Amino acid sequence: IVISARGREQDKIAALDAGADDYLTKPFGMGELLARLRVALRRAAADG
């Protein structure tokens, strides 16, 4: 999960194309980060 101050669409696309699973732009709320973490962990448990 990328956490970055870079909020441009090109940066998000580049990170996701490189293999990132998600992208959060700083500043972000902890509730949103926790939700993204739960989703990522569920996917990892399914995929290995």
ModelCIF file with pLDDT and N, C-alpha, C, O atoms, coordinates in Angstrom:
data_MODEL
#
_entry.id   MODEL 
#
_entity.id                         1 
_entity.type                       polymer 
_entity.pdbx_number_of_molecules   1 
#
_entity_poly.entity_id                      1 
_entity_poly.type                           'polypeptide(L)' 
_entity_poly.nstd_linkage                   no 
_entity_poly.nstd_monomer                   no 
_entity_poly.pdbx_seq_one_letter_code       IVISARGREQDKIAALDAGADDYLTKPFGMGELLARLRVALRRAAADG 
_entity_poly.pdbx_seq_one_letter_code_can   IVISARGREQDKIAALDAGADDYLTKPFGMGELLARLRVALRRAAADG 
_entity_poly.pdbx_strand_id                 A 
#
loop_
_entity_poly_seq.entity_id 
_entity_poly_seq.num 
_entity_poly_seq.mon_id 
_entity_poly_seq.hetero 
1 1  ILE n 
1 2  VAL n 
1 3  ILE n 
1 4  SER n 
1 5  ALA n 
1 6  ARG n 
1 7  GLY n 
1 8  ARG n 
1 9  GLU n 
1 10 GLN n 
1 11 ASP n 
1 12 LYS n 
1 13 ILE n 
1 14 ALA n 
1 15 ALA n 
1 16 LEU n 
1 17 ASP n 
1 18 ALA n 
1 19 GLY n 
1 20 ALA n 
1 21 ASP n 
1 22 ASP n 
1 23 TYR n 
1 24 LEU n 
1 25 THR n 
1 26 LYS n 
1 27 PRO n 
1 28 PHE n 
1 29 GLY n 
1 30 MET n 
1 31 GLY n 
1 32 GLU n 
1 33 LEU n 
1 34 LEU n 
1 35 ALA n 
1 36 ARG n 
1 37 LEU n 
1 38 ARG n 
1 39 VAL n 
1 40 ALA n 
1 41 LEU n 
1 42 ARG n 
1 43 ARG n 
1 44 ALA n 
1 45 ALA n 
1 46 ALA n 
1 47 ASP n 
1 48 GLY n 
#
_struct_asym.id          A 
_struct_asym.entity_id   1 
#
loop_
_ma_qa_metric.id 
_ma_qa_metric.mode 
_ma_qa_metric.name 
_ma_qa_metric.software_group_id 
_ma_qa_metric.type 
1 global pLDDT . pLDDT 
2 local  pLDDT . pLDDT 
#
_ma_qa_metric_global.metric_id      1 
_ma_qa_metric_global.metric_value   86.44 
_ma_qa_metric_global.model_id       1 
_ma_qa_metric_global.ordinal_id     1 
#
loop_
_ma_qa_metric_local.label_asym_id 
_ma_qa_metric_local.label_comp_id 
_ma_qa_metric_local.label_seq_id 
_ma_qa_metric_local.metric_id 
_ma_qa_metric_local.metric_value 
_ma_qa_metric_local.model_id 
_ma_qa_metric_local.ordinal_id 
A ILE 1  2 95.00 1 1  
A VAL 2  2 95.00 1 2  
A ILE 3  2 95.00 1 3  
A SER 4  2 90.00 1 4  
A ALA 5  2 89.00 1 5  
A ARG 6  2 84.00 1 6  
A GLY 7  2 80.00 1 7  
A ARG 8  2 83.00 1 8  
A GLU 9  2 83.00 1 9  
A GLN 10 2 85.00 1 10 
A ASP 11 2 88.00 1 11 
A LYS 12 2 89.00 1 12 
A ILE 13 2 87.00 1 13 
A ALA 14 2 88.00 1 14 
A ALA 15 2 90.00 1 15 
A LEU 16 2 89.00 1 16 
A ASP 17 2 84.00 1 17 
A ALA 18 2 88.00 1 18 
A GLY 19 2 88.00 1 19 
A ALA 20 2 91.00 1 20 
A ASP 21 2 88.00 1 21 
A ASP 22 2 91.00 1 22 
A TYR 23 2 92.00 1 23 
A LEU 24 2 92.00 1 24 
A THR 25 2 90.00 1 25 
A LYS 26 2 90.00 1 26 
A PRO 27 2 89.00 1 27 
A PHE 28 2 91.00 1 28 
A GLY 29 2 92.00 1 29 
A MET 30 2 94.00 1 30 
A GLY 31 2 94.00 1 31 
A GLU 32 2 93.00 1 32 
A LEU 33 2 95.00 1 33 
A LEU 34 2 95.00 1 34 
A ALA 35 2 93.00 1 35 
A ARG 36 2 91.00 1 36 
A LEU 37 2 95.00 1 37 
A ARG 38 2 92.00 1 38 
A VAL 39 2 87.00 1 39 
A ALA 40 2 87.00 1 40 
A LEU 41 2 87.00 1 41 
A ARG 42 2 82.00 1 42 
A ARG 43 2 76.00 1 43 
A ALA 44 2 74.00 1 44 
A ALA 45 2 71.00 1 45 
A ALA 46 2 58.00 1 46 
A ASP 47 2 59.00 1 47 
A GLY 48 2 50.00 1 48 
#
loop_
_atom_site.group_PDB 
_atom_site.id 
_atom_site.type_symbol 
_atom_site.label_atom_id 
_atom_site.label_alt_id 
_atom_site.label_comp_id 
_atom_site.label_asym_id 
_atom_site.label_entity_id 
_atom_site.label_seq_id 
_atom_site.pdbx_PDB_ins_code 
_atom_site.Cartn_x 
_atom_site.Cartn_y 
_atom_site.Cartn_z 
_atom_site.occupancy 
_atom_site.B_iso_or_equiv 
_atom_site.pdbx_formal_charge 
_atom_site.auth_seq_id 
_atom_site.auth_comp_id 
_atom_site.auth_asym_id 
_atom_site.auth_atom_id 
_atom_site.pdbx_PDB_model_num 
ATOM 1   N N  . ILE A 1 1  ? 0.863   -1.179  0.000   1.00 95.00 ? 1  ILE A N  1 
ATOM 2   C CA . ILE A 1 1  ? 0.000   0.000   0.000   1.00 95.00 ? 1  ILE A CA 1 
ATOM 3   C C  . ILE A 1 1  ? 0.899   1.227   0.000   1.00 95.00 ? 1  ILE A C  1 
ATOM 4   O O  . ILE A 1 1  ? 1.656   1.450   0.944   1.00 95.00 ? 1  ILE A O  1 
ATOM 5   N N  . VAL A 1 2  ? 0.814   2.016   -1.054  1.00 95.00 ? 2  VAL A N  1 
ATOM 6   C CA . VAL A 1 2  ? 1.601   3.241   -1.142  1.00 95.00 ? 2  VAL A CA 1 
ATOM 7   C C  . VAL A 1 2  ? 0.928   4.328   -0.300  1.00 95.00 ? 2  VAL A C  1 
ATOM 8   O O  . VAL A 1 2  ? -0.282  4.539   -0.389  1.00 95.00 ? 2  VAL A O  1 
ATOM 9   N N  . ILE A 1 3  ? 1.730   5.012   0.516   1.00 95.00 ? 3  ILE A N  1 
ATOM 10  C CA . ILE A 1 3  ? 1.259   6.178   1.270   1.00 95.00 ? 3  ILE A CA 1 
ATOM 11  C C  . ILE A 1 3  ? 2.167   7.333   0.871   1.00 95.00 ? 3  ILE A C  1 
ATOM 12  O O  . ILE A 1 3  ? 3.338   7.356   1.248   1.00 95.00 ? 3  ILE A O  1 
ATOM 13  N N  . SER A 1 4  ? 1.643   8.286   0.117   1.00 90.00 ? 4  SER A N  1 
ATOM 14  C CA . SER A 1 4  ? 2.516   9.295   -0.473  1.00 90.00 ? 4  SER A CA 1 
ATOM 15  C C  . SER A 1 4  ? 1.831   10.654  -0.537  1.00 90.00 ? 4  SER A C  1 
ATOM 16  O O  . SER A 1 4  ? 0.608   10.755  -0.630  1.00 90.00 ? 4  SER A O  1 
ATOM 17  N N  . ALA A 1 5  ? 2.658   11.694  -0.485  1.00 89.00 ? 5  ALA A N  1 
ATOM 18  C CA . ALA A 1 5  ? 2.158   13.056  -0.671  1.00 89.00 ? 5  ALA A CA 1 
ATOM 19  C C  . ALA A 1 5  ? 1.922   13.356  -2.153  1.00 89.00 ? 5  ALA A C  1 
ATOM 20  O O  . ALA A 1 5  ? 1.301   14.365  -2.490  1.00 89.00 ? 5  ALA A O  1 
ATOM 21  N N  . ARG A 1 6  ? 2.413   12.489  -3.032  1.00 84.00 ? 6  ARG A N  1 
ATOM 22  C CA . ARG A 1 6  ? 2.191   12.688  -4.465  1.00 84.00 ? 6  ARG A CA 1 
ATOM 23  C C  . ARG A 1 6  ? 0.744   12.290  -4.804  1.00 84.00 ? 6  ARG A C  1 
ATOM 24  O O  . ARG A 1 6  ? 0.377   11.116  -4.738  1.00 84.00 ? 6  ARG A O  1 
ATOM 25  N N  . GLY A 1 7  ? -0.052  13.277  -5.162  1.00 80.00 ? 7  GLY A N  1 
ATOM 26  C CA . GLY A 1 7  ? -1.462  12.994  -5.424  1.00 80.00 ? 7  GLY A CA 1 
ATOM 27  C C  . GLY A 1 7  ? -1.847  13.004  -6.887  1.00 80.00 ? 7  GLY A C  1 
ATOM 28  O O  . GLY A 1 7  ? -3.026  12.866  -7.214  1.00 80.00 ? 7  GLY A O  1 
ATOM 29  N N  . ARG A 1 8  ? -0.862  13.166  -7.791  1.00 83.00 ? 8  ARG A N  1 
ATOM 30  C CA . ARG A 1 8  ? -1.187  13.213  -9.216  1.00 83.00 ? 8  ARG A CA 1 
ATOM 31  C C  . ARG A 1 8  ? -1.623  11.845  -9.721  1.00 83.00 ? 8  ARG A C  1 
ATOM 32  O O  . ARG A 1 8  ? -1.146  10.809  -9.257  1.00 83.00 ? 8  ARG A O  1 
ATOM 33  N N  . GLU A 1 9  ? -2.530  11.867  -10.672 1.00 83.00 ? 9  GLU A N  1 
ATOM 34  C CA . GLU A 1 9  ? -3.027  10.617  -11.249 1.00 83.00 ? 9  GLU A CA 1 
ATOM 35  C C  . GLU A 1 9  ? -1.900  9.806   -11.865 1.00 83.00 ? 9  GLU A C  1 
ATOM 36  O O  . GLU A 1 9  ? -1.883  8.579   -11.767 1.00 83.00 ? 9  GLU A O  1 
ATOM 37  N N  . GLN A 1 10 ? -0.944  10.505  -12.508 1.00 85.00 ? 10 GLN A N  1 
ATOM 38  C CA . GLN A 1 10 ? 0.167   9.781   -13.146 1.00 85.00 ? 10 GLN A CA 1 
ATOM 39  C C  . GLN A 1 10 ? 0.978   8.996   -12.120 1.00 85.00 ? 10 GLN A C  1 
ATOM 40  O O  . GLN A 1 10 ? 1.423   7.884   -12.406 1.00 85.00 ? 10 GLN A O  1 
ATOM 41  N N  . ASP A 1 11 ? 1.175   9.567   -10.919 1.00 88.00 ? 11 ASP A N  1 
ATOM 42  C CA . ASP A 1 11 ? 1.933   8.869   -9.881  1.00 88.00 ? 11 ASP A CA 1 
ATOM 43  C C  . ASP A 1 11 ? 1.187   7.632   -9.405  1.00 88.00 ? 11 ASP A C  1 
ATOM 44  O O  . ASP A 1 11 ? 1.784   6.578   -9.190  1.00 88.00 ? 11 ASP A O  1 
ATOM 45  N N  . LYS A 1 12 ? -0.124  7.771   -9.242  1.00 89.00 ? 12 LYS A N  1 
ATOM 46  C CA . LYS A 1 12 ? -0.928  6.625   -8.804  1.00 89.00 ? 12 LYS A CA 1 
ATOM 47  C C  . LYS A 1 12 ? -0.888  5.514   -9.842  1.00 89.00 ? 12 LYS A C  1 
ATOM 48  O O  . LYS A 1 12 ? -0.711  4.345   -9.501  1.00 89.00 ? 12 LYS A O  1 
ATOM 49  N N  . ILE A 1 13 ? -1.054  5.881   -11.112 1.00 87.00 ? 13 ILE A N  1 
ATOM 50  C CA . ILE A 1 13 ? -1.028  4.875   -12.175 1.00 87.00 ? 13 ILE A CA 1 
ATOM 51  C C  . ILE A 1 13 ? 0.337   4.192   -12.227 1.00 87.00 ? 13 ILE A C  1 
ATOM 52  O O  . ILE A 1 13 ? 0.417   2.971   -12.358 1.00 87.00 ? 13 ILE A O  1 
ATOM 53  N N  . ALA A 1 14 ? 1.415   4.981   -12.125 1.00 88.00 ? 14 ALA A N  1 
ATOM 54  C CA . ALA A 1 14 ? 2.764   4.399   -12.182 1.00 88.00 ? 14 ALA A CA 1 
ATOM 55  C C  . ALA A 1 14 ? 2.989   3.414   -11.038 1.00 88.00 ? 14 ALA A C  1 
ATOM 56  O O  . ALA A 1 14 ? 3.560   2.342   -11.242 1.00 88.00 ? 14 ALA A O  1 
ATOM 57  N N  . ALA A 1 15 ? 2.540   3.776   -9.829  1.00 90.00 ? 15 ALA A N  1 
ATOM 58  C CA . ALA A 1 15 ? 2.724   2.890   -8.679  1.00 90.00 ? 15 ALA A CA 1 
ATOM 59  C C  . ALA A 1 15 ? 1.913   1.614   -8.835  1.00 90.00 ? 15 ALA A C  1 
ATOM 60  O O  . ALA A 1 15 ? 2.412   0.525   -8.551  1.00 90.00 ? 15 ALA A O  1 
ATOM 61  N N  . LEU A 1 16 ? 0.674   1.735   -9.283  1.00 89.00 ? 16 LEU A N  1 
ATOM 62  C CA . LEU A 1 16 ? -0.169  0.554   -9.445  1.00 89.00 ? 16 LEU A CA 1 
ATOM 63  C C  . LEU A 1 16 ? 0.328   -0.322  -10.587 1.00 89.00 ? 16 LEU A C  1 
ATOM 64  O O  . LEU A 1 16 ? 0.303   -1.548  -10.478 1.00 89.00 ? 16 LEU A O  1 
ATOM 65  N N  . ASP A 1 17 ? 0.779   0.287   -11.677 1.00 84.00 ? 17 ASP A N  1 
ATOM 66  C CA . ASP A 1 17 ? 1.343   -0.493  -12.784 1.00 84.00 ? 17 ASP A CA 1 
ATOM 67  C C  . ASP A 1 17 ? 2.608   -1.223  -12.364 1.00 84.00 ? 17 ASP A C  1 
ATOM 68  O O  . ASP A 1 17 ? 2.901   -2.305  -12.873 1.00 84.00 ? 17 ASP A O  1 
ATOM 69  N N  . ALA A 1 18 ? 3.365   -0.633  -11.431 1.00 88.00 ? 18 ALA A N  1 
ATOM 70  C CA . ALA A 1 18 ? 4.598   -1.272  -10.949 1.00 88.00 ? 18 ALA A CA 1 
ATOM 71  C C  . ALA A 1 18 ? 4.307   -2.462  -10.047 1.00 88.00 ? 18 ALA A C  1 
ATOM 72  O O  . ALA A 1 18 ? 5.186   -3.290  -9.807  1.00 88.00 ? 18 ALA A O  1 
ATOM 73  N N  . GLY A 1 19 ? 3.068   -2.554  -9.540  1.00 88.00 ? 19 GLY A N  1 
ATOM 74  C CA . GLY A 1 19 ? 2.715   -3.704  -8.714  1.00 88.00 ? 19 GLY A CA 1 
ATOM 75  C C  . GLY A 1 19 ? 2.135   -3.379  -7.360  1.00 88.00 ? 19 GLY A C  1 
ATOM 76  O O  . GLY A 1 19 ? 1.843   -4.289  -6.585  1.00 88.00 ? 19 GLY A O  1 
ATOM 77  N N  . ALA A 1 20 ? 1.957   -2.083  -7.046  1.00 91.00 ? 20 ALA A N  1 
ATOM 78  C CA . ALA A 1 20 ? 1.322   -1.728  -5.779  1.00 91.00 ? 20 ALA A CA 1 
ATOM 79  C C  . ALA A 1 20 ? -0.133  -2.175  -5.792  1.00 91.00 ? 20 ALA A C  1 
ATOM 80  O O  . ALA A 1 20 ? -0.772  -2.206  -6.843  1.00 91.00 ? 20 ALA A O  1 
ATOM 81  N N  . ASP A 1 21 ? -0.651  -2.521  -4.620  1.00 88.00 ? 21 ASP A N  1 
ATOM 82  C CA . ASP A 1 21 ? -2.041  -2.973  -4.508  1.00 88.00 ? 21 ASP A CA 1 
ATOM 83  C C  . ASP A 1 21 ? -3.008  -1.835  -4.224  1.00 88.00 ? 21 ASP A C  1 
ATOM 84  O O  . ASP A 1 21 ? -4.190  -1.930  -4.554  1.00 88.00 ? 21 ASP A O  1 
ATOM 85  N N  . ASP A 1 22 ? -2.521  -0.766  -3.620  1.00 91.00 ? 22 ASP A N  1 
ATOM 86  C CA . ASP A 1 22 ? -3.395  0.324   -3.221  1.00 91.00 ? 22 ASP A CA 1 
ATOM 87  C C  . ASP A 1 22 ? -2.568  1.597   -3.080  1.00 91.00 ? 22 ASP A C  1 
ATOM 88  O O  . ASP A 1 22 ? -1.338  1.543   -3.057  1.00 91.00 ? 22 ASP A O  1 
ATOM 89  N N  . TYR A 1 23 ? -3.251  2.754   -2.987  1.00 92.00 ? 23 TYR A N  1 
ATOM 90  C CA . TYR A 1 23 ? -2.561  4.038   -2.963  1.00 92.00 ? 23 TYR A CA 1 
ATOM 91  C C  . TYR A 1 23 ? -3.359  5.002   -2.098  1.00 92.00 ? 23 TYR A C  1 
ATOM 92  O O  . TYR A 1 23 ? -4.533  5.258   -2.366  1.00 92.00 ? 23 TYR A O  1 
ATOM 93  N N  . LEU A 1 24 ? -2.729  5.530   -1.073  1.00 92.00 ? 24 LEU A N  1 
ATOM 94  C CA . LEU A 1 24 ? -3.349  6.529   -0.208  1.00 92.00 ? 24 LEU A CA 1 
ATOM 95  C C  . LEU A 1 24 ? -2.529  7.811   -0.275  1.00 92.00 ? 24 LEU A C  1 
ATOM 96  O O  . LEU A 1 24 ? -1.306  7.786   -0.140  1.00 92.00 ? 24 LEU A O  1 
ATOM 97  N N  . THR A 1 25 ? -3.213  8.929   -0.485  1.00 90.00 ? 25 THR A N  1 
ATOM 98  C CA . THR A 1 25 ? -2.535  10.213  -0.550  1.00 90.00 ? 25 THR A CA 1 
ATOM 99  C C  . THR A 1 25 ? -2.514  10.864  0.836   1.00 90.00 ? 25 THR A C  1 
ATOM 100 O O  . THR A 1 25 ? -3.542  10.956  1.508   1.00 90.00 ? 25 THR A O  1 
ATOM 101 N N  . LYS A 1 26 ? -1.323  11.315  1.251   1.00 90.00 ? 26 LYS A N  1 
ATOM 102 C CA . LYS A 1 26 ? -1.192  12.018  2.526   1.00 90.00 ? 26 LYS A CA 1 
ATOM 103 C C  . LYS A 1 26 ? -1.794  13.423  2.389   1.00 90.00 ? 26 LYS A C  1 
ATOM 104 O O  . LYS A 1 26 ? -1.668  14.048  1.335   1.00 90.00 ? 26 LYS A O  1 
ATOM 105 N N  . PRO A 1 27 ? -2.449  13.925  3.450   1.00 89.00 ? 27 PRO A N  1 
ATOM 106 C CA . PRO A 1 27 ? -2.775  13.250  4.705   1.00 89.00 ? 27 PRO A CA 1 
ATOM 107 C C  . PRO A 1 27 ? -3.999  12.349  4.531   1.00 89.00 ? 27 PRO A C  1 
ATOM 108 O O  . PRO A 1 27 ? -4.865  12.622  3.700   1.00 89.00 ? 27 PRO A O  1 
ATOM 109 N N  . PHE A 1 28 ? -4.062  11.287  5.309   1.00 91.00 ? 28 PHE A N  1 
ATOM 110 C CA . PHE A 1 28 ? -5.179  10.346  5.232   1.00 91.00 ? 28 PHE A CA 1 
ATOM 111 C C  . PHE A 1 28 ? -5.670  10.049  6.638   1.00 91.00 ? 28 PHE A C  1 
ATOM 112 O O  . PHE A 1 28 ? -4.951  10.268  7.612   1.00 91.00 ? 28 PHE A O  1 
ATOM 113 N N  . GLY A 1 29 ? -6.882  9.555   6.742   1.00 92.00 ? 29 GLY A N  1 
ATOM 114 C CA . GLY A 1 29 ? -7.450  9.190   8.031   1.00 92.00 ? 29 GLY A CA 1 
ATOM 115 C C  . GLY A 1 29 ? -7.046  7.787   8.427   1.00 92.00 ? 29 GLY A C  1 
ATOM 116 O O  . GLY A 1 29 ? -6.934  6.907   7.574   1.00 92.00 ? 29 GLY A O  1 
ATOM 117 N N  . MET A 1 30 ? -6.826  7.569   9.719   1.00 94.00 ? 30 MET A N  1 
ATOM 118 C CA . MET A 1 30 ? -6.421  6.243   10.180  1.00 94.00 ? 30 MET A CA 1 
ATOM 119 C C  . MET A 1 30 ? -7.515  5.212   9.914   1.00 94.00 ? 30 MET A C  1 
ATOM 120 O O  . MET A 1 30 ? -7.214  4.054   9.624   1.00 94.00 ? 30 MET A O  1 
ATOM 121 N N  . GLY A 1 31 ? -8.776  5.619   10.010  1.00 94.00 ? 31 GLY A N  1 
ATOM 122 C CA . GLY A 1 31 ? -9.861  4.678   9.729   1.00 94.00 ? 31 GLY A CA 1 
ATOM 123 C C  . GLY A 1 31 ? -9.796  4.132   8.329   1.00 94.00 ? 31 GLY A C  1 
ATOM 124 O O  . GLY A 1 31 ? -10.037 2.945   8.109   1.00 94.00 ? 31 GLY A O  1 
ATOM 125 N N  . GLU A 1 32 ? -9.466  5.000   7.360   1.00 93.00 ? 32 GLU A N  1 
ATOM 126 C CA . GLU A 1 32 ? -9.360  4.553   5.977   1.00 93.00 ? 32 GLU A CA 1 
ATOM 127 C C  . GLU A 1 32 ? -8.163  3.630   5.796   1.00 93.00 ? 32 GLU A C  1 
ATOM 128 O O  . GLU A 1 32 ? -8.265  2.621   5.098   1.00 93.00 ? 32 GLU A O  1 
ATOM 129 N N  . LEU A 1 33 ? -7.026  3.958   6.415   1.00 95.00 ? 33 LEU A N  1 
ATOM 130 C CA . LEU A 1 33 ? -5.857  3.087   6.312   1.00 95.00 ? 33 LEU A CA 1 
ATOM 131 C C  . LEU A 1 33 ? -6.146  1.718   6.901   1.00 95.00 ? 33 LEU A C  1 
ATOM 132 O O  . LEU A 1 33 ? -5.777  0.703   6.310   1.00 95.00 ? 33 LEU A O  1 
ATOM 133 N N  . LEU A 1 34 ? -6.800  1.668   8.055   1.00 95.00 ? 34 LEU A N  1 
ATOM 134 C CA . LEU A 1 34 ? -7.121  0.390   8.681   1.00 95.00 ? 34 LEU A CA 1 
ATOM 135 C C  . LEU A 1 34 ? -8.022  -0.446  7.776   1.00 95.00 ? 34 LEU A C  1 
ATOM 136 O O  . LEU A 1 34 ? -7.854  -1.662  7.677   1.00 95.00 ? 34 LEU A O  1 
ATOM 137 N N  . ALA A 1 35 ? -8.969  0.202   7.122   1.00 93.00 ? 35 ALA A N  1 
ATOM 138 C CA . ALA A 1 35 ? -9.852  -0.525  6.210   1.00 93.00 ? 35 ALA A CA 1 
ATOM 139 C C  . ALA A 1 35 ? -9.063  -1.088  5.034   1.00 93.00 ? 35 ALA A C  1 
ATOM 140 O O  . ALA A 1 35 ? -9.279  -2.228  4.622   1.00 93.00 ? 35 ALA A O  1 
ATOM 141 N N  . ARG A 1 36 ? -8.145  -0.282  4.496   1.00 91.00 ? 36 ARG A N  1 
ATOM 142 C CA . ARG A 1 36 ? -7.327  -0.761  3.367   1.00 91.00 ? 36 ARG A CA 1 
ATOM 143 C C  . ARG A 1 36 ? -6.430  -1.926  3.798   1.00 91.00 ? 36 ARG A C  1 
ATOM 144 O O  . ARG A 1 36 ? -6.226  -2.872  3.036   1.00 91.00 ? 36 ARG A O  1 
ATOM 145 N N  . LEU A 1 37 ? -5.897  -1.854  5.016   1.00 95.00 ? 37 LEU A N  1 
ATOM 146 C CA . LEU A 1 37 ? -5.076  -2.952  5.525   1.00 95.00 ? 37 LEU A CA 1 
ATOM 147 C C  . LEU A 1 37 ? -5.889  -4.235  5.635   1.00 95.00 ? 37 LEU A C  1 
ATOM 148 O O  . LEU A 1 37 ? -5.406  -5.307  5.271   1.00 95.00 ? 37 LEU A O  1 
ATOM 149 N N  . ARG A 1 38 ? -7.100  -4.137  6.126   1.00 92.00 ? 38 ARG A N  1 
ATOM 150 C CA . ARG A 1 38 ? -7.940  -5.336  6.262   1.00 92.00 ? 38 ARG A CA 1 
ATOM 151 C C  . ARG A 1 38 ? -8.216  -5.965  4.897   1.00 92.00 ? 38 ARG A C  1 
ATOM 152 O O  . ARG A 1 38 ? -8.177  -7.187  4.749   1.00 92.00 ? 38 ARG A O  1 
ATOM 153 N N  . VAL A 1 39 ? -8.492  -5.131  3.915   1.00 87.00 ? 39 VAL A N  1 
ATOM 154 C CA . VAL A 1 39 ? -8.732  -5.647  2.563   1.00 87.00 ? 39 VAL A CA 1 
ATOM 155 C C  . VAL A 1 39 ? -7.482  -6.340  2.023   1.00 87.00 ? 39 VAL A C  1 
ATOM 156 O O  . VAL A 1 39 ? -7.562  -7.438  1.472   1.00 87.00 ? 39 VAL A O  1 
ATOM 157 N N  . ALA A 1 40 ? -6.323  -5.688  2.184   1.00 87.00 ? 40 ALA A N  1 
ATOM 158 C CA . ALA A 1 40 ? -5.068  -6.263  1.677   1.00 87.00 ? 40 ALA A CA 1 
ATOM 159 C C  . ALA A 1 40 ? -4.765  -7.598  2.330   1.00 87.00 ? 40 ALA A C  1 
ATOM 160 O O  . ALA A 1 40 ? -4.326  -8.532  1.658   1.00 87.00 ? 40 ALA A O  1 
ATOM 161 N N  . LEU A 1 41 ? -4.992  -7.701  3.634   1.00 87.00 ? 41 LEU A N  1 
ATOM 162 C CA . LEU A 1 41 ? -4.717  -8.954  4.340   1.00 87.00 ? 41 LEU A CA 1 
ATOM 163 C C  . LEU A 1 41 ? -5.672  -10.058 3.918   1.00 87.00 ? 41 LEU A C  1 
ATOM 164 O O  . LEU A 1 41 ? -5.277  -11.221 3.834   1.00 87.00 ? 41 LEU A O  1 
ATOM 165 N N  . ARG A 1 42 ? -6.911  -9.710  3.653   1.00 82.00 ? 42 ARG A N  1 
ATOM 166 C CA . ARG A 1 42 ? -7.863  -10.727 3.176   1.00 82.00 ? 42 ARG A CA 1 
ATOM 167 C C  . ARG A 1 42 ? -7.434  -11.251 1.814   1.00 82.00 ? 42 ARG A C  1 
ATOM 168 O O  . ARG A 1 42 ? -7.491  -12.454 1.562   1.00 82.00 ? 42 ARG A O  1 
ATOM 169 N N  . ARG A 1 43 ? -7.005  -10.354 0.938   1.00 76.00 ? 43 ARG A N  1 
ATOM 170 C CA . ARG A 1 43 ? -6.543  -10.787 -0.385  1.00 76.00 ? 43 ARG A CA 1 
ATOM 171 C C  . ARG A 1 43 ? -5.315  -11.681 -0.279  1.00 76.00 ? 43 ARG A C  1 
ATOM 172 O O  . ARG A 1 43 ? -5.209  -12.699 -0.963  1.00 76.00 ? 43 ARG A O  1 
ATOM 173 N N  . ALA A 1 44 ? -4.395  -11.285 0.584   1.00 74.00 ? 44 ALA A N  1 
ATOM 174 C CA . ALA A 1 44 ? -3.163  -12.072 0.739   1.00 74.00 ? 44 ALA A CA 1 
ATOM 175 C C  . ALA A 1 44 ? -3.474  -13.462 1.275   1.00 74.00 ? 44 ALA A C  1 
ATOM 176 O O  . ALA A 1 44 ? -2.861  -14.445 0.857   1.00 74.00 ? 44 ALA A O  1 
ATOM 177 N N  . ALA A 1 45 ? -4.423  -13.544 2.197   1.00 71.00 ? 45 ALA A N  1 
ATOM 178 C CA . ALA A 1 45 ? -4.790  -14.848 2.756   1.00 71.00 ? 45 ALA A CA 1 
ATOM 179 C C  . ALA A 1 45 ? -5.370  -15.747 1.674   1.00 71.00 ? 45 ALA A C  1 
ATOM 180 O O  . ALA A 1 45 ? -5.176  -16.963 1.696   1.00 71.00 ? 45 ALA A O  1 
ATOM 181 N N  . ALA A 1 46 ? -6.081  -15.144 0.727   1.00 58.00 ? 46 ALA A N  1 
ATOM 182 C CA . ALA A 1 46 ? -6.679  -15.928 -0.349  1.00 58.00 ? 46 ALA A CA 1 
ATOM 183 C C  . ALA A 1 46 ? -5.655  -16.314 -1.413  1.00 58.00 ? 46 ALA A C  1 
ATOM 184 O O  . ALA A 1 46 ? -5.695  -17.418 -1.956  1.00 58.00 ? 46 ALA A O  1 
ATOM 185 N N  . ASP A 1 47 ? -4.745  -15.397 -1.703  1.00 59.00 ? 47 ASP A N  1 
ATOM 186 C CA . ASP A 1 47 ? -3.814  -15.616 -2.813  1.00 59.00 ? 47 ASP A CA 1 
ATOM 187 C C  . ASP A 1 47 ? -2.535  -16.324 -2.408  1.00 59.00 ? 47 ASP A C  1 
ATOM 188 O O  . ASP A 1 47 ? -1.940  -17.029 -3.223  1.00 59.00 ? 47 ASP A O  1 
ATOM 189 N N  . GLY A 1 48 ? -2.091  -16.150 -1.146  1.00 50.00 ? 48 GLY A N  1 
ATOM 190 C CA . GLY A 1 48 ? -0.783  -16.645 -0.730  1.00 50.00 ? 48 GLY A CA 1 
ATOM 191 C C  . GLY A 1 48 ? 0.287   -15.662 -1.143  1.00 50.00 ? 48 GLY A C  1 
ATOM 192 O O  . GLY A 1 48 ? 1.468   -15.891 -0.885  1.00 50.00 ? 48 GLY A O  1 
#
